[in-house]
């Protein structure tokens, strides 16, 4: 969503559901705990980037707003942004339309992807991540179906699904992440949403190493559609089944590229 406002004012206000940047970043950005402000702020902004909440080429919210939302000083925030810049994840631009911009990530190639994936997997327990992800996803799907989504909430889920369907290949992962985050947010547990954002951020870090496979996306889209149908029909068991199958596909893909 391009910024019509060059100075990033007004993004702290919450525009309707999932619209303005204020809401888009809500699942991830929250005040950090005293003592580890730098580390926690770094973790949260990394999540924002990995989840594609601010897509490549777009600007992060203004420093003043980010510092305020994270509850840290601008000095600490600048240290965090410098680390992200050193990692090649963001770039800083000067001038009237300046700010901190998320850099577009290079797509994975089969040659570099496998080695990089293995390197990243060494830092995480992938089986733990995949199991936890499945529990959260299946739980969120069941909760949404059991509580029933109607009106504006049902529309949010349908719109998120439509965006994954219409996305060009390069945008697919980002819209897919947004769809799953929407489902997590609609289940009514902010704790689950926050935990899901964190685990999905780790999963995306791994998926970045894998090329997008059209056949896999076709399966993925069919599963998304079945999932939304089950959720909106209030079919908790069907929603659980569809989501479990969907998570198994991602898990198989990651394990396959690691083998």
C-alpha atoms as a PDB file:
ATOM      1  CA  UNK A   1       0.000   0.000   0.000  1.00  0.00           C
ATOM      2  CA  UNK A   2       1.944   3.070  -1.136  1.00  0.00           C
ATOM      3  CA  UNK A   3       2.355   5.921   1.289  1.00  0.00           C
ATOM      4  CA  UNK A   4       0.617   9.050   0.115  1.00  0.00           C
ATOM      5  CA  UNK A   5       2.199  10.903   3.021  1.00  0.00           C
ATOM      6  CA  UNK A   6       5.928  11.486   2.477  1.00  0.00           C
ATOM      7  CA  UNK A   7       6.716  12.038   6.137  1.00  0.00           C
ATOM      8  CA  UNK A   8       4.977   8.985   7.503  1.00  0.00           C
ATOM      9  CA  UNK A   9       2.682  11.012   9.777  1.00  0.00           C
ATOM     10  CA  UNK A  10      -0.533   9.517  10.939  1.00  0.00           C
ATOM     11  CA  UNK A  11       0.426   5.867  10.756  1.00  0.00           C
ATOM     12  CA  UNK A  12       0.162   5.399  14.492  1.00  0.00           C
ATOM     13  CA  UNK A  13      -3.615   5.724  14.260  1.00  0.00           C
ATOM     14  CA  UNK A  14      -5.565   2.588  13.652  1.00  0.00           C
ATOM     15  CA  UNK A  15      -7.429   2.784  10.381  1.00  0.00           C
ATOM     16  CA  UNK A  16     -10.181   0.144   9.983  1.00  0.00           C
ATOM     17  CA  UNK A  17      -9.197  -3.527  10.059  1.00  0.00           C
ATOM     18  CA  UNK A  18      -5.943  -4.432   8.354  1.00  0.00           C
ATOM     19  CA  UNK A  19      -5.789  -1.238   6.379  1.00  0.00           C
ATOM     20  CA  UNK A  20      -3.271   1.472   7.268  1.00  0.00           C
ATOM     21  CA  UNK A  21       0.221   0.580   8.264  1.00  0.00           C
ATOM     22  CA  UNK A  22      -0.758   0.954  11.919  1.00  0.00           C
ATOM     23  CA  UNK A  23      -2.854  -2.195  11.722  1.00  0.00           C
ATOM     24  CA  UNK A  24      -0.625  -4.060   9.330  1.00  0.00           C
ATOM     25  CA  UNK A  25       2.181  -4.062  11.877  1.00  0.00           C
ATOM     26  CA  UNK A  26      -0.039  -4.623  14.918  1.00  0.00           C
ATOM     27  CA  UNK A  27       0.525  -8.409  15.191  1.00  0.00           C
ATOM     28  CA  UNK A  28       4.265  -7.823  15.577  1.00  0.00           C
ATOM     29  CA  UNK A  29       5.104  -4.386  16.987  1.00  0.00           C
ATOM     30  CA  UNK A  30       4.583  -3.958  20.713  1.00  0.00           C
ATOM     31  CA  UNK A  31       6.506  -2.219  23.513  1.00  0.00           C
ATOM     32  CA  UNK A  32       9.650  -4.135  24.430  1.00  0.00           C
ATOM     33  CA  UNK A  33      10.633  -5.202  27.937  1.00  0.00           C
ATOM     34  CA  UNK A  34      13.162  -3.144  29.861  1.00  0.00           C
ATOM     35  CA  UNK A  35      16.645  -4.657  29.824  1.00  0.00           C
ATOM     36  CA  UNK A  36      16.615  -6.201  26.347  1.00  0.00           C
ATOM     37  CA  UNK A  37      15.162  -3.286  24.408  1.00  0.00           C
ATOM     38  CA  UNK A  38      17.732  -3.449  21.611  1.00  0.00           C
ATOM     39  CA  UNK A  39      17.443  -7.225  21.097  1.00  0.00           C
ATOM     40  CA  UNK A  40      13.656  -7.331  21.244  1.00  0.00           C
ATOM     41  CA  UNK A  41      13.270  -4.332  18.937  1.00  0.00           C
ATOM     42  CA  UNK A  42      15.652  -5.982  16.453  1.00  0.00           C
ATOM     43  CA  UNK A  43      13.637  -9.212  16.616  1.00  0.00           C
ATOM     44  CA  UNK A  44      10.356  -7.391  15.986  1.00  0.00           C
ATOM     45  CA  UNK A  45      11.592  -5.333  13.034  1.00  0.00           C
ATOM     46  CA  UNK A  46      13.170  -8.487  11.574  1.00  0.00           C
ATOM     47  CA  UNK A  47       9.728 -10.095  11.822  1.00  0.00           C
ATOM     48  CA  UNK A  48       8.133  -7.134  10.034  1.00  0.00           C
ATOM     49  CA  UNK A  49      10.622  -7.598   7.170  1.00  0.00           C
ATOM     50  CA  UNK A  50      10.437 -11.412   7.021  1.00  0.00           C
ATOM     51  CA  UNK A  51       6.649 -11.435   7.153  1.00  0.00           C
ATOM     52  CA  UNK A  52       6.533  -8.915   4.300  1.00  0.00           C
ATOM     53  CA  UNK A  53       4.338  -6.610   6.408  1.00  0.00           C
ATOM     54  CA  UNK A  54       6.303  -3.823   4.740  1.00  0.00           C
ATOM     55  CA  UNK A  55       7.094  -5.197   1.259  1.00  0.00           C
ATOM     56  CA  UNK A  56      10.425  -4.796  -0.527  1.00  0.00           C
ATOM     57  CA  UNK A  57      10.751  -1.287  -1.940  1.00  0.00           C
ATOM     58  CA  UNK A  58       8.417   0.236   0.658  1.00  0.00           C
ATOM     59  CA  UNK A  59       9.323   2.403   3.606  1.00  0.00           C
ATOM     60  CA  UNK A  60       9.228   1.493   7.272  1.00  0.00           C
ATOM     61  CA  UNK A  61       7.199   3.854   9.467  1.00  0.00           C
ATOM     62  CA  UNK A  62       8.980   7.051  10.521  1.00  0.00           C
ATOM     63  CA  UNK A  63      11.651   6.702  13.238  1.00  0.00           C
ATOM     64  CA  UNK A  64       9.593   8.689  15.710  1.00  0.00           C
ATOM     65  CA  UNK A  65       6.603   6.376  15.283  1.00  0.00           C
ATOM     66  CA  UNK A  66       8.663   3.169  15.374  1.00  0.00           C
ATOM     67  CA  UNK A  67      10.512   4.244  18.520  1.00  0.00           C
ATOM     68  CA  UNK A  68       7.200   5.150  20.153  1.00  0.00           C
ATOM     69  CA  UNK A  69       5.495   1.876  19.253  1.00  0.00           C
ATOM     70  CA  UNK A  70       8.456  -0.171  20.471  1.00  0.00           C
ATOM     71  CA  UNK A  71       8.931   1.932  23.586  1.00  0.00           C
ATOM     72  CA  UNK A  72      12.618   2.572  22.903  1.00  0.00           C
ATOM     73  CA  UNK A  73      14.728   5.691  22.376  1.00  0.00           C
ATOM     74  CA  UNK A  74      15.512   6.855  18.864  1.00  0.00           C
ATOM     75  CA  UNK A  75      19.192   6.258  19.626  1.00  0.00           C
ATOM     76  CA  UNK A  76      18.471   2.557  20.265  1.00  0.00           C
ATOM     77  CA  UNK A  77      16.220   2.383  17.207  1.00  0.00           C
ATOM     78  CA  UNK A  78      19.015   3.799  15.024  1.00  0.00           C
ATOM     79  CA  UNK A  79      21.353   1.076  16.302  1.00  0.00           C
ATOM     80  CA  UNK A  80      18.748  -1.532  15.342  1.00  0.00           C
ATOM     81  CA  UNK A  81      18.314  -0.029  11.863  1.00  0.00           C
ATOM     82  CA  UNK A  82      22.090   0.066  11.385  1.00  0.00           C
ATOM     83  CA  UNK A  83      22.299  -3.687  12.054  1.00  0.00           C
ATOM     84  CA  UNK A  84      19.520  -4.347   9.517  1.00  0.00           C
ATOM     85  CA  UNK A  85      21.353  -2.148   7.022  1.00  0.00           C
ATOM     86  CA  UNK A  86      24.616  -4.045   7.577  1.00  0.00           C
ATOM     87  CA  UNK A  87      22.678  -7.262   6.911  1.00  0.00           C
ATOM     88  CA  UNK A  88      21.467  -5.811   3.603  1.00  0.00           C
ATOM     89  CA  UNK A  89      17.791  -6.004   4.670  1.00  0.00           C
ATOM     90  CA  UNK A  90      17.038  -2.284   4.639  1.00  0.00           C
ATOM     91  CA  UNK A  91      18.561   0.845   3.108  1.00  0.00           C
ATOM     92  CA  UNK A  92      18.420   4.403   4.259  1.00  0.00           C
ATOM     93  CA  UNK A  93      17.596   7.219   1.826  1.00  0.00           C
ATOM     94  CA  UNK A  94      17.973  10.927   2.456  1.00  0.00           C
ATOM     95  CA  UNK A  95      15.881  13.857   1.384  1.00  0.00           C
ATOM     96  CA  UNK A  96      12.228  14.755   1.437  1.00  0.00           C
ATOM     97  CA  UNK A  97      11.091  11.306   0.362  1.00  0.00           C
ATOM     98  CA  UNK A  98      13.790   9.642   2.415  1.00  0.00           C
ATOM     99  CA  UNK A  99      13.493   7.151   5.241  1.00  0.00           C
ATOM    100  CA  UNK A 100      14.359   3.526   5.846  1.00  0.00           C
ATOM    101  CA  UNK A 101      13.286   1.267   2.986  1.00  0.00           C
ATOM    102  CA  UNK A 102      13.008  -2.510   2.975  1.00  0.00           C
ATOM    103  CA  UNK A 103      15.214  -3.949   0.231  1.00  0.00           C
ATOM    104  CA  UNK A 104      13.686  -6.356  -2.244  1.00  0.00           C
ATOM    105  CA  UNK A 105      15.045  -9.829  -1.588  1.00  0.00           C
ATOM    106  CA  UNK A 106      16.773 -11.728  -4.355  1.00  0.00           C
ATOM    107  CA  UNK A 107      14.949 -14.894  -5.346  1.00  0.00           C
ATOM    108  CA  UNK A 108      16.546 -18.216  -4.448  1.00  0.00           C
ATOM    109  CA  UNK A 109      18.175 -20.292  -7.130  1.00  0.00           C
ATOM    110  CA  UNK A 110      18.504 -24.052  -6.823  1.00  0.00           C
ATOM    111  CA  UNK A 111      22.295 -23.711  -6.628  1.00  0.00           C
ATOM    112  CA  UNK A 112      22.569 -21.176  -3.793  1.00  0.00           C
ATOM    113  CA  UNK A 113      19.270 -22.038  -2.127  1.00  0.00           C
ATOM    114  CA  UNK A 114      20.136 -25.461  -0.745  1.00  0.00           C
ATOM    115  CA  UNK A 115      23.373 -24.377   0.901  1.00  0.00           C
ATOM    116  CA  UNK A 116      21.822 -21.243   2.384  1.00  0.00           C
ATOM    117  CA  UNK A 117      18.827 -23.243   3.642  1.00  0.00           C
ATOM    118  CA  UNK A 118      21.129 -25.689   5.418  1.00  0.00           C
ATOM    119  CA  UNK A 119      23.061 -22.796   6.940  1.00  0.00           C
ATOM    120  CA  UNK A 120      19.857 -21.213   8.288  1.00  0.00           C
ATOM    121  CA  UNK A 121      18.469 -24.521   9.548  1.00  0.00           C
ATOM    122  CA  UNK A 122      21.573 -24.963  11.707  1.00  0.00           C
ATOM    123  CA  UNK A 123      20.330 -22.017  13.769  1.00  0.00           C
ATOM    124  CA  UNK A 124      16.845 -23.446  14.405  1.00  0.00           C
ATOM    125  CA  UNK A 125      15.285 -26.756  15.385  1.00  0.00           C
ATOM    126  CA  UNK A 126      13.256 -27.150  12.213  1.00  0.00           C
ATOM    127  CA  UNK A 127      11.072 -30.023  13.489  1.00  0.00           C
ATOM    128  CA  UNK A 128      10.161 -27.955  16.545  1.00  0.00           C
ATOM    129  CA  UNK A 129       9.338 -24.927  14.373  1.00  0.00           C
ATOM    130  CA  UNK A 130       7.180 -26.953  11.962  1.00  0.00           C
ATOM    131  CA  UNK A 131       5.271 -28.728  14.755  1.00  0.00           C
ATOM    132  CA  UNK A 132       4.614 -25.524  16.643  1.00  0.00           C
ATOM    133  CA  UNK A 133       3.512 -23.825  13.452  1.00  0.00           C
ATOM    134  CA  UNK A 134       1.061 -26.656  12.725  1.00  0.00           C
ATOM    135  CA  UNK A 135      -0.457 -26.551  16.226  1.00  0.00           C
ATOM    136  CA  UNK A 136      -0.994 -22.781  16.001  1.00  0.00           C
ATOM    137  CA  UNK A 137      -2.382 -22.906  12.448  1.00  0.00           C
ATOM    138  CA  UNK A 138      -4.718 -25.837  13.072  1.00  0.00           C
ATOM    139  CA  UNK A 139      -5.846 -24.292  16.353  1.00  0.00           C
ATOM    140  CA  UNK A 140      -6.546 -20.904  14.757  1.00  0.00           C
ATOM    141  CA  UNK A 141      -8.513 -22.521  11.915  1.00  0.00           C
ATOM    142  CA  UNK A 142     -10.599 -24.554  14.379  1.00  0.00           C
ATOM    143  CA  UNK A 143     -11.271 -21.535  16.620  1.00  0.00           C
ATOM    144  CA  UNK A 144     -12.392 -19.406  13.655  1.00  0.00           C
ATOM    145  CA  UNK A 145     -14.716 -22.154  12.423  1.00  0.00           C
ATOM    146  CA  UNK A 146     -16.103 -22.912  15.897  1.00  0.00           C
ATOM    147  CA  UNK A 147     -16.764 -19.260  16.783  1.00  0.00           C
ATOM    148  CA  UNK A 148     -18.077 -18.499  13.307  1.00  0.00           C
ATOM    149  CA  UNK A 149     -16.945 -15.574  11.195  1.00  0.00           C
ATOM    150  CA  UNK A 150     -19.643 -13.312   9.855  1.00  0.00           C
ATOM    151  CA  UNK A 151     -19.974  -9.899   8.254  1.00  0.00           C
ATOM    152  CA  UNK A 152     -16.792  -7.828   8.196  1.00  0.00           C
ATOM    153  CA  UNK A 153     -14.669 -10.623   9.685  1.00  0.00           C
ATOM    154  CA  UNK A 154     -15.726 -13.127   7.020  1.00  0.00           C
ATOM    155  CA  UNK A 155     -15.041 -10.488   4.397  1.00  0.00           C
ATOM    156  CA  UNK A 156     -11.490  -9.931   5.717  1.00  0.00           C
ATOM    157  CA  UNK A 157     -10.736 -13.624   5.283  1.00  0.00           C
ATOM    158  CA  UNK A 158     -12.271 -13.745   1.783  1.00  0.00           C
ATOM    159  CA  UNK A 159     -10.303 -10.666   0.717  1.00  0.00           C
ATOM    160  CA  UNK A 160      -7.055 -12.125   2.062  1.00  0.00           C
ATOM    161  CA  UNK A 161      -7.764 -15.317   0.075  1.00  0.00           C
ATOM    162  CA  UNK A 162      -8.532 -13.315  -3.093  1.00  0.00           C
ATOM    163  CA  UNK A 163      -5.210 -11.476  -2.771  1.00  0.00           C
ATOM    164  CA  UNK A 164      -3.300 -14.780  -2.723  1.00  0.00           C
ATOM    165  CA  UNK A 165      -5.240 -15.889  -5.797  1.00  0.00           C
ATOM    166  CA  UNK A 166      -4.507 -12.726  -7.774  1.00  0.00           C
ATOM    167  CA  UNK A 167      -0.898 -12.285  -6.655  1.00  0.00           C
ATOM    168  CA  UNK A 168       1.876 -12.361  -9.249  1.00  0.00           C
ATOM    169  CA  UNK A 169       4.447 -15.043  -8.485  1.00  0.00           C
ATOM    170  CA  UNK A 170       6.899 -12.604  -6.875  1.00  0.00           C
ATOM    171  CA  UNK A 171       4.206 -11.419  -4.438  1.00  0.00           C
ATOM    172  CA  UNK A 172       2.812 -14.842  -3.588  1.00  0.00           C
ATOM    173  CA  UNK A 173       4.736 -15.525  -0.380  1.00  0.00           C
ATOM    174  CA  UNK A 174       3.875 -12.146   1.035  1.00  0.00           C
ATOM    175  CA  UNK A 175       0.147 -12.482   0.329  1.00  0.00           C
ATOM    176  CA  UNK A 176       0.229 -16.080   1.608  1.00  0.00           C
ATOM    177  CA  UNK A 177       1.780 -14.866   4.880  1.00  0.00           C
ATOM    178  CA  UNK A 178      -0.852 -12.107   5.123  1.00  0.00           C
ATOM    179  CA  UNK A 179      -3.639 -14.686   4.609  1.00  0.00           C
ATOM    180  CA  UNK A 180      -2.344 -16.884   7.437  1.00  0.00           C
ATOM    181  CA  UNK A 181      -1.789 -13.885   9.732  1.00  0.00           C
ATOM    182  CA  UNK A 182      -5.364 -12.767   9.044  1.00  0.00           C
ATOM    183  CA  UNK A 183      -6.659 -16.176  10.093  1.00  0.00           C
ATOM    184  CA  UNK A 184      -4.529 -16.041  13.258  1.00  0.00           C
ATOM    185  CA  UNK A 185      -5.813 -12.556  14.081  1.00  0.00           C
ATOM    186  CA  UNK A 186      -9.448 -13.558  13.542  1.00  0.00           C
ATOM    187  CA  UNK A 187      -9.263 -16.427  16.040  1.00  0.00           C
ATOM    188  CA  UNK A 188      -9.555 -13.926  18.886  1.00  0.00           C
ATOM    189  CA  UNK A 189      -6.346 -14.713  20.790  1.00  0.00           C
ATOM    190  CA  UNK A 190      -3.723 -11.943  20.618  1.00  0.00           C
ATOM    191  CA  UNK A 191      -1.207 -14.309  22.265  1.00  0.00           C
ATOM    192  CA  UNK A 192      -1.704 -16.886  19.519  1.00  0.00           C
ATOM    193  CA  UNK A 193      -1.375 -14.150  16.880  1.00  0.00           C
ATOM    194  CA  UNK A 194       1.935 -12.934  18.345  1.00  0.00           C
ATOM    195  CA  UNK A 195       3.327 -16.470  18.639  1.00  0.00           C
ATOM    196  CA  UNK A 196       2.215 -17.218  15.088  1.00  0.00           C
ATOM    197  CA  UNK A 197       3.898 -14.065  13.749  1.00  0.00           C
ATOM    198  CA  UNK A 198       7.146 -15.151  15.423  1.00  0.00           C
ATOM    199  CA  UNK A 199       7.075 -18.736  14.153  1.00  0.00           C
ATOM    200  CA  UNK A 200       5.986 -17.697  10.662  1.00  0.00           C
ATOM    201  CA  UNK A 201       8.868 -15.234  10.529  1.00  0.00           C
ATOM    202  CA  UNK A 202      11.265 -18.165  11.121  1.00  0.00           C
ATOM    203  CA  UNK A 203       9.489 -20.300   8.513  1.00  0.00           C
ATOM    204  CA  UNK A 204       9.700 -17.468   5.941  1.00  0.00           C
ATOM    205  CA  UNK A 205      13.407 -17.106   6.612  1.00  0.00           C
ATOM    206  CA  UNK A 206      13.734 -20.756   5.509  1.00  0.00           C
ATOM    207  CA  UNK A 207      11.221 -20.542   2.634  1.00  0.00           C
ATOM    208  CA  UNK A 208      13.219 -17.619   1.194  1.00  0.00           C
ATOM    209  CA  UNK A 209      15.871 -20.194   0.240  1.00  0.00           C
ATOM    210  CA  UNK A 210      13.432 -22.277  -1.806  1.00  0.00           C
ATOM    211  CA  UNK A 211      12.301 -21.358  -5.317  1.00  0.00           C
ATOM    212  CA  UNK A 212       8.560 -20.868  -5.820  1.00  0.00           C
ATOM    213  CA  UNK A 213       7.177 -23.973  -7.519  1.00  0.00           C
ATOM    214  CA  UNK A 214       4.040 -23.458  -9.571  1.00  0.00           C
ATOM    215  CA  UNK A 215       2.727 -26.957  -8.826  1.00  0.00           C
ATOM    216  CA  UNK A 216       3.107 -26.355  -5.098  1.00  0.00           C
ATOM    217  CA  UNK A 217       1.285 -23.024  -5.388  1.00  0.00           C
ATOM    218  CA  UNK A 218      -1.626 -24.740  -7.168  1.00  0.00           C
ATOM    219  CA  UNK A 219      -1.936 -27.229  -4.286  1.00  0.00           C
ATOM    220  CA  UNK A 220      -1.587 -24.400  -1.809  1.00  0.00           C
ATOM    221  CA  UNK A 221      -4.387 -22.391  -3.422  1.00  0.00           C
ATOM    222  CA  UNK A 222      -6.765 -25.365  -3.484  1.00  0.00           C
ATOM    223  CA  UNK A 223      -6.049 -25.944   0.207  1.00  0.00           C
ATOM    224  CA  UNK A 224      -6.596 -22.260   1.031  1.00  0.00           C
ATOM    225  CA  UNK A 225      -9.971 -22.329  -0.737  1.00  0.00           C
ATOM    226  CA  UNK A 226     -11.052 -25.537   1.063  1.00  0.00           C
ATOM    227  CA  UNK A 227      -9.914 -24.063   4.358  1.00  0.00           C
ATOM    228  CA  UNK A 228     -11.880 -20.819   3.922  1.00  0.00           C
ATOM    229  CA  UNK A 229     -14.959 -22.776   2.854  1.00  0.00           C
ATOM    230  CA  UNK A 230     -14.765 -24.967   5.980  1.00  0.00           C
ATOM    231  CA  UNK A 231     -14.143 -21.991   8.294  1.00  0.00           C
ATOM    232  CA  UNK A 232     -17.038 -19.967   6.881  1.00  0.00           C
ATOM    233  CA  UNK A 233     -19.330 -23.015   7.016  1.00  0.00           C
ATOM    234  CA  UNK A 234     -18.496 -23.405  10.716  1.00  0.00           C
ATOM    235  CA  UNK A 235     -17.002 -26.854  10.025  1.00  0.00           C
ATOM    236  CA  UNK A 236     -14.287 -27.048  12.699  1.00  0.00           C
ATOM    237  CA  UNK A 237     -13.229 -30.599  11.824  1.00  0.00           C
ATOM    238  CA  UNK A 238     -12.985 -29.782   8.095  1.00  0.00           C
ATOM    239  CA  UNK A 239     -10.993 -26.628   8.861  1.00  0.00           C
ATOM    240  CA  UNK A 240      -8.543 -28.607  11.010  1.00  0.00           C
ATOM    241  CA  UNK A 241      -8.093 -31.235   8.283  1.00  0.00           C
ATOM    242  CA  UNK A 242      -7.558 -28.680   5.509  1.00  0.00           C
ATOM    243  CA  UNK A 243      -5.019 -26.764   7.567  1.00  0.00           C
ATOM    244  CA  UNK A 244      -3.154 -29.880   8.673  1.00  0.00           C
ATOM    245  CA  UNK A 245      -2.794 -30.951   5.040  1.00  0.00           C
ATOM    246  CA  UNK A 246      -1.674 -27.453   4.082  1.00  0.00           C
ATOM    247  CA  UNK A 247       1.045 -27.375   6.764  1.00  0.00           C
ATOM    248  CA  UNK A 248       2.228 -30.841   5.717  1.00  0.00           C
ATOM    249  CA  UNK A 249       2.872 -29.512   2.194  1.00  0.00           C
ATOM    250  CA  UNK A 250       5.215 -26.761   3.423  1.00  0.00           C
ATOM    251  CA  UNK A 251       6.952 -29.184   5.779  1.00  0.00           C
ATOM    252  CA  UNK A 252       7.506 -31.710   2.971  1.00  0.00           C
ATOM    253  CA  UNK A 253       8.916 -28.986   0.725  1.00  0.00           C
ATOM    254  CA  UNK A 254      11.416 -27.789   3.343  1.00  0.00           C
ATOM    255  CA  UNK A 255      12.483 -31.326   4.258  1.00  0.00           C
ATOM    256  CA  UNK A 256      12.818 -32.179   0.583  1.00  0.00           C
ATOM    257  CA  UNK A 257      15.186 -29.302  -0.099  1.00  0.00           C
ATOM    258  CA  UNK A 258      17.206 -30.207   2.971  1.00  0.00           C
ATOM    259  CA  UNK A 259      17.606 -33.870   2.010  1.00  0.00           C
END
